[in-house]
Amino acid sequence: MLAVKNAPDGWQVTLTEPRRSLDQNAAQWPILQAFSQQLLWPVNGRRVQMSPDDWKDVLTAAFEEYHRVAEGLAGGRVILGAKTRNWSRQKFSEWLDFLKATAAERDVDISGGTD
C-alpha cells in the first residue's frame, strides 16, 4: 500500500485476475502435439498433418467461437486465431479442459504425460 500512496501523480493501479501460469502454458503443448501427430486435417483441399501451432489456431478459434477470417496478402484466407497469452488462469484452465474434451471426441490419445 505504501507504494500506491507514494506513486507519482498520474500513475494508476490496476487489479486483474492472475494470467495463465507457465505450467498451464506448458500443459497445452503435449496435447497440441498429439493432435499434430495423430490427425490429418483439410488444408487447401488436402488432408495434411498440421503443426501444433496450426492446431492451436484451429482449436482456439473453436474454443472462442472466434470466426474472423482475413484476406491473405497474396490471396487466400487467413483465420485469425485467439491469443492465449493474456488469458486468466481460470480461462486457461477451461481451455485445457476444452482441449482434453476435444481430444477425447476425436480419439486423440493424450495420455503421454499431459496430466
PDB file of N, CA and C in Angstrom:
ATOM      1  N   MET A   1       0.807  -1.203   0.000  1.00  0.00           N
ATOM      2  CA  MET A   1       0.000   0.000   0.000  1.00  0.00           C
ATOM      3  C   MET A   1       0.847   1.263   0.000  1.00  0.00           C
ATOM      4  N   LEU A   2       2.016   1.216   0.617  1.00  0.00           N
ATOM      5  CA  LEU A   2       2.886   2.377   0.652  1.00  0.00           C
ATOM      6  C   LEU A   2       3.299   2.790  -0.759  1.00  0.00           C
ATOM      7  N   ALA A   3       3.565   1.798  -1.615  1.00  0.00           N
ATOM      8  CA  ALA A   3       3.938   2.107  -2.992  1.00  0.00           C
ATOM      9  C   ALA A   3       2.812   2.844  -3.711  1.00  0.00           C
ATOM     10  N   VAL A   4       1.562   2.476  -3.418  1.00  0.00           N
ATOM     11  CA  VAL A   4       0.420   3.146  -4.040  1.00  0.00           C
ATOM     12  C   VAL A   4       0.336   4.585  -3.546  1.00  0.00           C
ATOM     13  N   LYS A   5       0.498   4.771  -2.244  1.00  0.00           N
ATOM     14  CA  LYS A   5       0.428   6.126  -1.679  1.00  0.00           C
ATOM     15  C   LYS A   5       1.541   7.019  -2.203  1.00  0.00           C
ATOM     16  N   ASN A   6       2.706   6.441  -2.445  1.00  0.00           N
ATOM     17  CA  ASN A   6       3.860   7.227  -2.876  1.00  0.00           C
ATOM     18  C   ASN A   6       4.034   7.279  -4.392  1.00  0.00           C
ATOM     19  N   ALA A   7       3.092   6.735  -5.123  1.00  0.00           N
ATOM     20  CA  ALA A   7       3.204   6.730  -6.589  1.00  0.00           C
ATOM     21  C   ALA A   7       3.139   8.154  -7.122  1.00  0.00           C
ATOM     22  N   PRO A   8       3.882   8.430  -8.177  1.00  0.00           N
ATOM     23  CA  PRO A   8       3.836   9.762  -8.793  1.00  0.00           C
ATOM     24  C   PRO A   8       2.438  10.089  -9.314  1.00  0.00           C
ATOM     25  N   ASP A   9       2.148  11.362  -9.408  1.00  0.00           N
ATOM     26  CA  ASP A   9       0.860  11.807  -9.959  1.00  0.00           C
ATOM     27  C   ASP A   9       0.661  11.219 -11.344  1.00  0.00           C
ATOM     28  N   GLY A  10      -0.556  10.780 -11.618  1.00  0.00           N
ATOM     29  CA  GLY A  10      -0.904  10.240 -12.915  1.00  0.00           C
ATOM     30  C   GLY A  10      -0.731   8.743 -13.039  1.00  0.00           C
ATOM     31  N   TRP A  11      -0.037   8.117 -12.104  1.00  0.00           N
ATOM     32  CA  TRP A  11       0.136   6.664 -12.145  1.00  0.00           C
ATOM     33  C   TRP A  11      -1.171   6.014 -11.740  1.00  0.00           C
ATOM     34  N   GLN A  12      -1.394   4.790 -12.231  1.00  0.00           N
ATOM     35  CA  GLN A  12      -2.624   4.067 -11.939  1.00  0.00           C
ATOM     36  C   GLN A  12      -2.290   2.674 -11.425  1.00  0.00           C
ATOM     37  N   VAL A  13      -3.167   2.177 -10.597  1.00  0.00           N
ATOM     38  CA  VAL A  13      -3.067   0.794 -10.127  1.00  0.00           C
ATOM     39  C   VAL A  13      -4.227   0.035 -10.732  1.00  0.00           C
ATOM     40  N   THR A  14      -3.918  -1.107 -11.322  1.00  0.00           N
ATOM     41  CA  THR A  14      -4.948  -1.937 -11.932  1.00  0.00           C
ATOM     42  C   THR A  14      -4.900  -3.314 -11.299  1.00  0.00           C
ATOM     43  N   LEU A  15      -6.044  -3.792 -10.841  1.00  0.00           N
ATOM     44  CA  LEU A  15      -6.143  -5.143 -10.297  1.00  0.00           C
ATOM     45  C   LEU A  15      -6.815  -6.026 -11.340  1.00  0.00           C
ATOM     46  N   THR A  16      -6.164  -7.126 -11.674  1.00  0.00           N
ATOM     47  CA  THR A  16      -6.718  -8.074 -12.628  1.00  0.00           C
ATOM     48  C   THR A  16      -6.506  -9.482 -12.107  1.00  0.00           C
ATOM     49  N   GLU A  17      -7.237 -10.401 -12.706  1.00  0.00           N
ATOM     50  CA  GLU A  17      -7.005 -11.801 -12.384  1.00  0.00           C
ATOM     51  C   GLU A  17      -5.592 -12.168 -12.782  1.00  0.00           C
ATOM     52  N   PRO A  18      -4.989 -13.113 -12.066  1.00  0.00           N
ATOM     53  CA  PRO A  18      -3.653 -13.549 -12.490  1.00  0.00           C
ATOM     54  C   PRO A  18      -3.724 -14.181 -13.872  1.00  0.00           C
ATOM     55  N   ARG A  19      -2.697 -13.921 -14.679  1.00  0.00           N
ATOM     56  CA  ARG A  19      -2.622 -14.528 -16.010  1.00  0.00           C
ATOM     57  C   ARG A  19      -2.273 -16.001 -15.881  1.00  0.00           C
ATOM     58  N   ARG A  20      -2.436 -16.703 -16.985  1.00  0.00           N
ATOM     59  CA  ARG A  20      -2.109 -18.128 -17.017  1.00  0.00           C
ATOM     60  C   ARG A  20      -0.698 -18.338 -16.482  1.00  0.00           C
ATOM     61  N   SER A  21      -0.495 -19.485 -15.893  1.00  0.00           N
ATOM     62  CA  SER A  21       0.823 -19.805 -15.349  1.00  0.00           C
ATOM     63  C   SER A  21       1.690 -20.438 -16.433  1.00  0.00           C
ATOM     64  N   LEU A  22       2.981 -20.469 -16.181  1.00  0.00           N
ATOM     65  CA  LEU A  22       3.895 -21.135 -17.112  1.00  0.00           C
ATOM     66  C   LEU A  22       3.588 -22.622 -17.188  1.00  0.00           C
ATOM     67  N   ASP A  23       3.195 -23.216 -16.052  1.00  0.00           N
ATOM     68  CA  ASP A  23       2.820 -24.640 -16.065  1.00  0.00           C
ATOM     69  C   ASP A  23       1.595 -24.877 -16.934  1.00  0.00           C
ATOM     70  N   GLN A  24       0.609 -23.979 -16.845  1.00  0.00           N
ATOM     71  CA  GLN A  24      -0.571 -24.120 -17.694  1.00  0.00           C
ATOM     72  C   GLN A  24      -0.169 -24.014 -19.165  1.00  0.00           C
ATOM     73  N   ASN A  25       0.649 -23.027 -19.484  1.00  0.00           N
ATOM     74  CA  ASN A  25       1.083 -22.860 -20.863  1.00  0.00           C
ATOM     75  C   ASN A  25       1.791 -24.118 -21.354  1.00  0.00           C
ATOM     76  N   ALA A  26       2.669 -24.657 -20.535  1.00  0.00           N
ATOM     77  CA  ALA A  26       3.414 -25.857 -20.927  1.00  0.00           C
ATOM     78  C   ALA A  26       2.485 -27.051 -21.114  1.00  0.00           C
ATOM     79  N   ALA A  27       1.390 -27.112 -20.351  1.00  0.00           N
ATOM     80  CA  ALA A  27       0.482 -28.263 -20.407  1.00  0.00           C
ATOM     81  C   ALA A  27      -0.258 -28.380 -21.732  1.00  0.00           C
ATOM     82  N   GLN A  28      -0.438 -27.264 -22.441  1.00  0.00           N
ATOM     83  CA  GLN A  28      -1.185 -27.332 -23.700  1.00  0.00           C
ATOM     84  C   GLN A  28      -0.371 -27.970 -24.821  1.00  0.00           C
ATOM     85  N   TRP A  29       0.947 -27.839 -24.795  1.00  0.00           N
ATOM     86  CA  TRP A  29       1.761 -28.259 -25.936  1.00  0.00           C
ATOM     87  C   TRP A  29       1.803 -29.758 -26.176  1.00  0.00           C
ATOM     88  N   PRO A  30       1.860 -30.611 -25.151  1.00  0.00           N
ATOM     89  CA  PRO A  30       1.776 -32.050 -25.444  1.00  0.00           C
ATOM     90  C   PRO A  30       0.434 -32.435 -26.066  1.00  0.00           C
ATOM     91  N   ILE A  31      -0.628 -31.757 -25.669  1.00  0.00           N
ATOM     92  CA  ILE A  31      -1.945 -32.048 -26.241  1.00  0.00           C
ATOM     93  C   ILE A  31      -1.974 -31.611 -27.707  1.00  0.00           C
ATOM     94  N   LEU A  32      -1.489 -30.410 -27.971  1.00  0.00           N
ATOM     95  CA  LEU A  32      -1.446 -29.925 -29.348  1.00  0.00           C
ATOM     96  C   LEU A  32      -0.525 -30.791 -30.201  1.00  0.00           C
ATOM     97  N   GLN A  33       0.557 -31.274 -29.627  1.00  0.00           N
ATOM     98  CA  GLN A  33       1.461 -32.183 -30.330  1.00  0.00           C
ATOM     99  C   GLN A  33       0.753 -33.488 -30.674  1.00  0.00           C
ATOM    100  N   ALA A  34      -0.075 -33.980 -29.753  1.00  0.00           N
ATOM    101  CA  ALA A  34      -0.833 -35.213 -30.012  1.00  0.00           C
ATOM    102  C   ALA A  34      -1.790 -35.015 -31.189  1.00  0.00           C
ATOM    103  N   PHE A  35      -2.472 -33.877 -31.227  1.00  0.00           N
ATOM    104  CA  PHE A  35      -3.332 -33.575 -32.383  1.00  0.00           C
ATOM    105  C   PHE A  35      -2.493 -33.595 -33.659  1.00  0.00           C
ATOM    106  N   SER A  36      -1.339 -32.952 -33.610  1.00  0.00           N
ATOM    107  CA  SER A  36      -0.475 -32.853 -34.777  1.00  0.00           C
ATOM    108  C   SER A  36      -0.031 -34.222 -35.276  1.00  0.00           C
ATOM    109  N   GLN A  37       0.299 -35.096 -34.371  1.00  0.00           N
ATOM    110  CA  GLN A  37       0.819 -36.407 -34.747  1.00  0.00           C
ATOM    111  C   GLN A  37      -0.265 -37.393 -35.164  1.00  0.00           C
ATOM    112  N   GLN A  38      -1.482 -37.215 -34.635  1.00  0.00           N
ATOM    113  CA  GLN A  38      -2.495 -38.251 -34.803  1.00  0.00           C
ATOM    114  C   GLN A  38      -3.608 -37.922 -35.792  1.00  0.00           C
ATOM    115  N   LEU A  39      -3.783 -36.664 -36.141  1.00  0.00           N
ATOM    116  CA  LEU A  39      -4.884 -36.303 -37.031  1.00  0.00           C
ATOM    117  C   LEU A  39      -4.387 -35.634 -38.303  1.00  0.00           C
ATOM    118  N   LEU A  40      -5.022 -35.994 -39.389  1.00  0.00           N
ATOM    119  CA  LEU A  40      -4.849 -35.247 -40.626  1.00  0.00           C
ATOM    120  C   LEU A  40      -6.026 -34.282 -40.717  1.00  0.00           C
ATOM    121  N   TRP A  41      -5.790 -33.100 -41.288  1.00  0.00           N
ATOM    122  CA  TRP A  41      -6.839 -32.088 -41.334  1.00  0.00           C
ATOM    123  C   TRP A  41      -6.840 -31.437 -42.699  1.00  0.00           C
ATOM    124  N   PRO A  42      -8.034 -31.090 -43.220  1.00  0.00           N
ATOM    125  CA  PRO A  42      -8.068 -30.489 -44.554  1.00  0.00           C
ATOM    126  C   PRO A  42      -7.481 -29.075 -44.570  1.00  0.00           C
ATOM    127  N   VAL A  43      -6.476 -28.895 -45.402  1.00  0.00           N
ATOM    128  CA  VAL A  43      -5.856 -27.592 -45.631  1.00  0.00           C
ATOM    129  C   VAL A  43      -5.696 -27.447 -47.142  1.00  0.00           C
ATOM    130  N   ASN A  44      -6.250 -26.394 -47.683  1.00  0.00           N
ATOM    131  CA  ASN A  44      -6.197 -26.158 -49.135  1.00  0.00           C
ATOM    132  C   ASN A  44      -6.682 -27.371 -49.928  1.00  0.00           C
ATOM    133  N   GLY A  45      -7.721 -28.009 -49.413  1.00  0.00           N
ATOM    134  CA  GLY A  45      -8.334 -29.118 -50.135  1.00  0.00           C
ATOM    135  C   GLY A  45      -7.645 -30.466 -49.976  1.00  0.00           C
ATOM    136  N   ARG A  46      -6.573 -30.536 -49.210  1.00  0.00           N
ATOM    137  CA  ARG A  46      -5.865 -31.807 -48.986  1.00  0.00           C
ATOM    138  C   ARG A  46      -5.796 -32.080 -47.489  1.00  0.00           C
ATOM    139  N   ARG A  47      -5.864 -33.346 -47.125  1.00  0.00           N
ATOM    140  CA  ARG A  47      -5.717 -33.724 -45.717  1.00  0.00           C
ATOM    141  C   ARG A  47      -4.225 -33.804 -45.412  1.00  0.00           C
ATOM    142  N   VAL A  48      -3.777 -32.999 -44.466  1.00  0.00           N
ATOM    143  CA  VAL A  48      -2.355 -32.908 -44.148  1.00  0.00           C
ATOM    144  C   VAL A  48      -2.141 -32.986 -42.634  1.00  0.00           C
ATOM    145  N   GLN A  49      -0.906 -33.234 -42.280  1.00  0.00           N
ATOM    146  CA  GLN A  49      -0.516 -33.196 -40.877  1.00  0.00           C
ATOM    147  C   GLN A  49      -0.153 -31.742 -40.555  1.00  0.00           C
ATOM    148  N   MET A  50      -0.873 -31.152 -39.608  1.00  0.00           N
ATOM    149  CA  MET A  50      -0.618 -29.759 -39.242  1.00  0.00           C
ATOM    150  C   MET A  50       0.328 -29.702 -38.045  1.00  0.00           C
ATOM    151  N   SER A  51       1.001 -28.576 -37.893  1.00  0.00           N
ATOM    152  CA  SER A  51       1.896 -28.357 -36.762  1.00  0.00           C
ATOM    153  C   SER A  51       1.076 -28.097 -35.492  1.00  0.00           C
ATOM    154  N   PRO A  52       1.689 -28.254 -34.315  1.00  0.00           N
ATOM    155  CA  PRO A  52       0.994 -27.892 -33.081  1.00  0.00           C
ATOM    156  C   PRO A  52       0.520 -26.433 -33.092  1.00  0.00           C
ATOM    157  N   ASP A  53       1.304 -25.517 -33.660  1.00  0.00           N
ATOM    158  CA  ASP A  53       0.880 -24.114 -33.743  1.00  0.00           C
ATOM    159  C   ASP A  53      -0.363 -23.953 -34.617  1.00  0.00           C
ATOM    160  N   ASP A  54      -0.427 -24.696 -35.731  1.00  0.00           N
ATOM    161  CA  ASP A  54      -1.618 -24.647 -36.582  1.00  0.00           C
ATOM    162  C   ASP A  54      -2.830 -25.183 -35.826  1.00  0.00           C
ATOM    163  N   TRP A  55      -2.629 -26.266 -35.086  1.00  0.00           N
ATOM    164  CA  TRP A  55      -3.725 -26.816 -34.290  1.00  0.00           C
ATOM    165  C   TRP A  55      -4.170 -25.822 -33.227  1.00  0.00           C
ATOM    166  N   LYS A  56      -3.230 -25.097 -32.647  1.00  0.00           N
ATOM    167  CA  LYS A  56      -3.611 -24.090 -31.654  1.00  0.00           C
ATOM    168  C   LYS A  56      -4.524 -23.049 -32.283  1.00  0.00           C
ATOM    169  N   ASP A  57      -4.198 -22.608 -33.507  1.00  0.00           N
ATOM    170  CA  ASP A  57      -5.053 -21.635 -34.190  1.00  0.00           C
ATOM    171  C   ASP A  57      -6.458 -22.189 -34.415  1.00  0.00           C
ATOM    172  N   VAL A  58      -6.544 -23.411 -34.918  1.00  0.00           N
ATOM    173  CA  VAL A  58      -7.847 -24.029 -35.191  1.00  0.00           C
ATOM    174  C   VAL A  58      -8.632 -24.210 -33.891  1.00  0.00           C
ATOM    175  N   LEU A  59      -7.976 -24.710 -32.870  1.00  0.00           N
ATOM    176  CA  LEU A  59      -8.678 -25.022 -31.620  1.00  0.00           C
ATOM    177  C   LEU A  59      -9.031 -23.779 -30.811  1.00  0.00           C
ATOM    178  N   THR A  60      -8.186 -22.754 -30.806  1.00  0.00           N
ATOM    179  CA  THR A  60      -8.571 -21.530 -30.092  1.00  0.00           C
ATOM    180  C   THR A  60      -9.746 -20.855 -30.794  1.00  0.00           C
ATOM    181  N   ALA A  61      -9.776 -20.928 -32.125  1.00  0.00           N
ATOM    182  CA  ALA A  61     -10.922 -20.358 -32.848  1.00  0.00           C
ATOM    183  C   ALA A  61     -12.205 -21.074 -32.455  1.00  0.00           C
ATOM    184  N   ALA A  62     -12.147 -22.394 -32.305  1.00  0.00           N
ATOM    185  CA  ALA A  62     -13.335 -23.152 -31.887  1.00  0.00           C
ATOM    186  C   ALA A  62     -13.694 -22.853 -30.439  1.00  0.00           C
ATOM    187  N   PHE A  63     -12.695 -22.787 -29.575  1.00  0.00           N
ATOM    188  CA  PHE A  63     -12.931 -22.523 -28.149  1.00  0.00           C
ATOM    189  C   PHE A  63     -13.573 -21.154 -27.942  1.00  0.00           C
ATOM    190  N   GLU A  64     -13.073 -20.169 -28.652  1.00  0.00           N
ATOM    191  CA  GLU A  64     -13.571 -18.801 -28.503  1.00  0.00           C
ATOM    192  C   GLU A  64     -14.794 -18.525 -29.368  1.00  0.00           C
ATOM    193  N   GLU A  65     -15.170 -19.524 -30.203  1.00  0.00           N
ATOM    194  CA  GLU A  65     -16.202 -19.297 -31.206  1.00  0.00           C
ATOM    195  C   GLU A  65     -15.846 -18.028 -31.973  1.00  0.00           C
ATOM    196  N   TYR A  66     -14.600 -18.024 -32.396  1.00  0.00           N
ATOM    197  CA  TYR A  66     -13.929 -16.871 -32.975  1.00  0.00           C
ATOM    198  C   TYR A  66     -13.785 -17.129 -34.458  1.00  0.00           C
ATOM    199  N   HIS A  67     -14.586 -16.464 -35.249  1.00  0.00           N
ATOM    200  CA  HIS A  67     -14.636 -16.789 -36.663  1.00  0.00           C
ATOM    201  C   HIS A  67     -14.268 -15.580 -37.514  1.00  0.00           C
ATOM    202  N   ARG A  68     -13.083 -15.052 -37.284  1.00  0.00           N
ATOM    203  CA  ARG A  68     -12.610 -13.938 -38.101  1.00  0.00           C
ATOM    204  C   ARG A  68     -11.657 -14.478 -39.152  1.00  0.00           C
ATOM    205  N   VAL A  69     -11.897 -14.080 -40.377  1.00  0.00           N
ATOM    206  CA  VAL A  69     -11.069 -14.519 -41.493  1.00  0.00           C
ATOM    207  C   VAL A  69     -10.626 -13.273 -42.252  1.00  0.00           C
ATOM    208  N   ALA A  70      -9.320 -13.183 -42.477  1.00  0.00           N
ATOM    209  CA  ALA A  70      -8.773 -12.052 -43.226  1.00  0.00           C
ATOM    210  C   ALA A  70      -8.327 -12.531 -44.605  1.00  0.00           C
ATOM    211  N   GLU A  71      -8.297 -11.613 -45.556  1.00  0.00           N
ATOM    212  CA  GLU A  71      -7.737 -11.901 -46.865  1.00  0.00           C
ATOM    213  C   GLU A  71      -6.223 -11.974 -46.726  1.00  0.00           C
ATOM    214  N   GLY A  72      -5.607 -12.930 -47.365  1.00  0.00           N
ATOM    215  CA  GLY A  72      -4.155 -13.029 -47.368  1.00  0.00           C
ATOM    216  C   GLY A  72      -3.545 -11.986 -48.289  1.00  0.00           C
ATOM    217  N   LEU A  73      -2.319 -11.607 -48.036  1.00  0.00           N
ATOM    218  CA  LEU A  73      -1.653 -10.604 -48.877  1.00  0.00           C
ATOM    219  C   LEU A  73      -1.515 -11.061 -50.308  1.00  0.00           C
ATOM    220  N   ALA A  74      -1.311 -12.353 -50.509  1.00  0.00           N
ATOM    221  CA  ALA A  74      -1.151 -12.896 -51.857  1.00  0.00           C
ATOM    222  C   ALA A  74      -2.351 -13.740 -52.248  1.00  0.00           C
ATOM    223  N   GLY A  75      -3.508 -13.418 -51.691  1.00  0.00           N
ATOM    224  CA  GLY A  75      -4.710 -14.190 -51.951  1.00  0.00           C
ATOM    225  C   GLY A  75      -4.949 -15.191 -50.842  1.00  0.00           C
ATOM    226  N   GLY A  76      -5.979 -15.950 -50.986  1.00  0.00           N
ATOM    227  CA  GLY A  76      -6.318 -16.922 -49.961  1.00  0.00           C
ATOM    228  C   GLY A  76      -6.919 -16.269 -48.734  1.00  0.00           C
ATOM    229  N   ARG A  77      -7.032 -17.054 -47.683  1.00  0.00           N
ATOM    230  CA  ARG A  77      -7.653 -16.581 -46.446  1.00  0.00           C
ATOM    231  C   ARG A  77      -6.770 -16.935 -45.270  1.00  0.00           C
ATOM    232  N   VAL A  78      -6.844 -16.106 -44.242  1.00  0.00           N
ATOM    233  CA  VAL A  78      -6.101 -16.336 -43.013  1.00  0.00           C
ATOM    234  C   VAL A  78      -7.097 -16.300 -41.864  1.00  0.00           C
ATOM    235  N   ILE A  79      -7.183 -17.393 -41.094  1.00  0.00           N
ATOM    236  CA  ILE A  79      -8.033 -17.407 -39.910  1.00  0.00           C
ATOM    237  C   ILE A  79      -7.282 -16.701 -38.793  1.00  0.00           C
ATOM    238  N   LEU A  80      -7.916 -15.740 -38.197  1.00  0.00           N
ATOM    239  CA  LEU A  80      -7.300 -15.000 -37.101  1.00  0.00           C
ATOM    240  C   LEU A  80      -7.649 -15.690 -35.790  1.00  0.00           C
ATOM    241  N   GLY A  81      -6.720 -16.460 -35.278  1.00  0.00           N
ATOM    242  CA  GLY A  81      -6.939 -17.197 -34.044  1.00  0.00           C
ATOM    243  C   GLY A  81      -6.835 -16.303 -32.829  1.00  0.00           C
ATOM    244  N   ALA A  82      -7.367 -16.775 -31.737  1.00  0.00           N
ATOM    245  CA  ALA A  82      -7.294 -16.041 -30.478  1.00  0.00           C
ATOM    246  C   ALA A  82      -5.914 -16.226 -29.869  1.00  0.00           C
ATOM    247  N   LYS A  83      -5.464 -15.263 -29.109  1.00  0.00           N
ATOM    248  CA  LYS A  83      -4.187 -15.333 -28.407  1.00  0.00           C
ATOM    249  C   LYS A  83      -4.436 -15.715 -26.947  1.00  0.00           C
ATOM    250  N   THR A  84      -3.657 -16.668 -26.465  1.00  0.00           N
ATOM    251  CA  THR A  84      -3.867 -17.185 -25.106  1.00  0.00           C
ATOM    252  C   THR A  84      -3.006 -16.504 -24.056  1.00  0.00           C
ATOM    253  N   ARG A  85      -2.032 -15.706 -24.470  1.00  0.00           N
ATOM    254  CA  ARG A  85      -1.048 -15.185 -23.515  1.00  0.00           C
ATOM    255  C   ARG A  85      -1.638 -14.299 -22.430  1.00  0.00           C
ATOM    256  N   ASN A  86      -2.749 -13.635 -22.703  1.00  0.00           N
ATOM    257  CA  ASN A  86      -3.345 -12.747 -21.710  1.00  0.00           C
ATOM    258  C   ASN A  86      -4.550 -13.351 -20.996  1.00  0.00           C
ATOM    259  N   TRP A  87      -4.817 -14.623 -21.259  1.00  0.00           N
ATOM    260  CA  TRP A  87      -5.951 -15.250 -20.598  1.00  0.00           C
ATOM    261  C   TRP A  87      -5.673 -15.416 -19.111  1.00  0.00           C
ATOM    262  N   SER A  88      -6.737 -15.331 -18.336  1.00  0.00           N
ATOM    263  CA  SER A  88      -6.622 -15.564 -16.892  1.00  0.00           C
ATOM    264  C   SER A  88      -6.349 -17.042 -16.636  1.00  0.00           C
ATOM    265  N   ARG A  89      -5.924 -17.337 -15.431  1.00  0.00           N
ATOM    266  CA  ARG A  89      -5.684 -18.739 -15.068  1.00  0.00           C
ATOM    267  C   ARG A  89      -6.974 -19.551 -15.179  1.00  0.00           C
ATOM    268  N   GLN A  90      -8.096 -18.940 -14.796  1.00  0.00           N
ATOM    269  CA  GLN A  90      -9.379 -19.636 -14.873  1.00  0.00           C
ATOM    270  C   GLN A  90      -9.739 -19.948 -16.322  1.00  0.00           C
ATOM    271  N   LYS A  91      -9.619 -18.964 -17.189  1.00  0.00           N
ATOM    272  CA  LYS A  91      -9.957 -19.184 -18.598  1.00  0.00           C
ATOM    273  C   LYS A  91      -9.006 -20.207 -19.221  1.00  0.00           C
ATOM    274  N   PHE A  92      -7.726 -20.154 -18.860  1.00  0.00           N
ATOM    275  CA  PHE A  92      -6.778 -21.114 -19.402  1.00  0.00           C
ATOM    276  C   PHE A  92      -7.090 -22.514 -18.904  1.00  0.00           C
ATOM    277  N   SER A  93      -7.560 -22.639 -17.679  1.00  0.00           N
ATOM    278  CA  SER A  93      -7.987 -23.935 -17.149  1.00  0.00           C
ATOM    279  C   SER A  93      -9.154 -24.475 -17.982  1.00  0.00           C
ATOM    280  N   GLU A  94     -10.092 -23.599 -18.329  1.00  0.00           N
ATOM    281  CA  GLU A  94     -11.215 -24.000 -19.183  1.00  0.00           C
ATOM    282  C   GLU A  94     -10.714 -24.406 -20.568  1.00  0.00           C
ATOM    283  N   TRP A  95      -9.704 -23.709 -21.079  1.00  0.00           N
ATOM    284  CA  TRP A  95      -9.093 -24.042 -22.370  1.00  0.00           C
ATOM    285  C   TRP A  95      -8.491 -25.447 -22.322  1.00  0.00           C
ATOM    286  N   LEU A  96      -7.757 -25.754 -21.268  1.00  0.00           N
ATOM    287  CA  LEU A  96      -7.161 -27.082 -21.144  1.00  0.00           C
ATOM    288  C   LEU A  96      -8.243 -28.157 -21.074  1.00  0.00           C
ATOM    289  N   ASP A  97      -9.328 -27.875 -20.350  1.00  0.00           N
ATOM    290  CA  ASP A  97     -10.452 -28.823 -20.305  1.00  0.00           C
ATOM    291  C   ASP A  97     -11.046 -29.011 -21.698  1.00  0.00           C
ATOM    292  N   PHE A  98     -11.189 -27.925 -22.443  1.00  0.00           N
ATOM    293  CA  PHE A  98     -11.695 -27.982 -23.809  1.00  0.00           C
ATOM    294  C   PHE A  98     -10.784 -28.841 -24.684  1.00  0.00           C
ATOM    295  N   LEU A  99      -9.463 -28.639 -24.574  1.00  0.00           N
ATOM    296  CA  LEU A  99      -8.526 -29.439 -25.368  1.00  0.00           C
ATOM    297  C   LEU A  99      -8.685 -30.923 -25.072  1.00  0.00           C
ATOM    298  N   LYS A 100      -8.784 -31.256 -23.791  1.00  0.00           N
ATOM    299  CA  LYS A 100      -8.910 -32.663 -23.400  1.00  0.00           C
ATOM    300  C   LYS A 100     -10.218 -33.257 -23.905  1.00  0.00           C
ATOM    301  N   ALA A 101     -11.306 -32.500 -23.793  1.00  0.00           N
ATOM    302  CA  ALA A 101     -12.608 -32.991 -24.263  1.00  0.00           C
ATOM    303  C   ALA A 101     -12.608 -33.155 -25.778  1.00  0.00           C
ATOM    304  N   THR A 102     -12.019 -32.203 -26.488  1.00  0.00           N
ATOM    305  CA  THR A 102     -11.964 -32.284 -27.947  1.00  0.00           C
ATOM    306  C   THR A 102     -11.094 -33.456 -28.381  1.00  0.00           C
ATOM    307  N   ALA A 103     -10.001 -33.680 -27.677  1.00  0.00           N
ATOM    308  CA  ALA A 103      -9.146 -34.835 -27.981  1.00  0.00           C
ATOM    309  C   ALA A 103      -9.941 -36.126 -27.809  1.00  0.00           C
ATOM    310  N   ALA A 104     -10.699 -36.227 -26.727  1.00  0.00           N
ATOM    311  CA  ALA A 104     -11.497 -37.431 -26.489  1.00  0.00           C
ATOM    312  C   ALA A 104     -12.536 -37.624 -27.596  1.00  0.00           C
ATOM    313  N   GLU A 105     -13.188 -36.538 -28.014  1.00  0.00           N
ATOM    314  CA  GLU A 105     -14.193 -36.621 -29.085  1.00  0.00           C
ATOM    315  C   GLU A 105     -13.590 -37.091 -30.403  1.00  0.00           C
ATOM    316  N   ARG A 106     -12.341 -36.772 -30.629  1.00  0.00           N
ATOM    317  CA  ARG A 106     -11.681 -37.085 -31.909  1.00  0.00           C
ATOM    318  C   ARG A 106     -10.742 -38.289 -31.806  1.00  0.00           C
ATOM    319  N   ASP A 107     -10.822 -39.012 -30.681  1.00  0.00           N
ATOM    320  CA  ASP A 107      -9.984 -40.195 -30.457  1.00  0.00           C
ATOM    321  C   ASP A 107      -8.492 -39.884 -30.525  1.00  0.00           C
ATOM    322  N   VAL A 108      -8.108 -38.731 -30.011  1.00  0.00           N
ATOM    323  CA  VAL A 108      -6.687 -38.370 -29.920  1.00  0.00           C
ATOM    324  C   VAL A 108      -6.193 -38.798 -28.548  1.00  0.00           C
ATOM    325  N   ASP A 109      -5.178 -39.640 -28.532  1.00  0.00           N
ATOM    326  CA  ASP A 109      -4.614 -40.153 -27.282  1.00  0.00           C
ATOM    327  C   ASP A 109      -3.656 -39.115 -26.709  1.00  0.00           C
ATOM    328  N   ILE A 110      -4.032 -38.544 -25.569  1.00  0.00           N
ATOM    329  CA  ILE A 110      -3.184 -37.553 -24.910  1.00  0.00           C
ATOM    330  C   ILE A 110      -2.586 -38.089 -23.626  1.00  0.00           C
ATOM    331  N   SER A 111      -2.543 -39.388 -23.487  1.00  0.00           N
ATOM    332  CA  SER A 111      -2.075 -39.995 -22.224  1.00  0.00           C
ATOM    333  C   SER A 111      -0.575 -39.919 -22.046  1.00  0.00           C
ATOM    334  N   GLY A 112       0.141 -39.388 -22.997  1.00  0.00           N
ATOM    335  CA  GLY A 112       1.604 -39.348 -22.908  1.00  0.00           C
ATOM    336  C   GLY A 112       2.122 -38.250 -22.012  1.00  0.00           C
ATOM    337  N   GLY A 113       1.623 -38.137 -20.781  1.00  0.00           N
ATOM    338  CA  GLY A 113       2.187 -37.208 -19.821  1.00  0.00           C
ATOM    339  C   GLY A 113       1.576 -35.823 -19.801  1.00  0.00           C
ATOM    340  N   THR A 114       0.286 -35.696 -20.087  1.00  0.00           N
ATOM    341  CA  THR A 114      -0.331 -34.368 -20.089  1.00  0.00           C
ATOM    342  C   THR A 114      -1.005 -34.022 -18.781  1.00  0.00           C
ATOM    343  N   ASP A 115      -1.088 -34.936 -17.834  1.00  0.00           N
ATOM    344  CA  ASP A 115      -1.725 -34.604 -16.548  1.00  0.00           C
ATOM    345  C   ASP A 115      -0.694 -34.453 -15.465  1.00  0.00           C
TER     346      ASP A 115
END
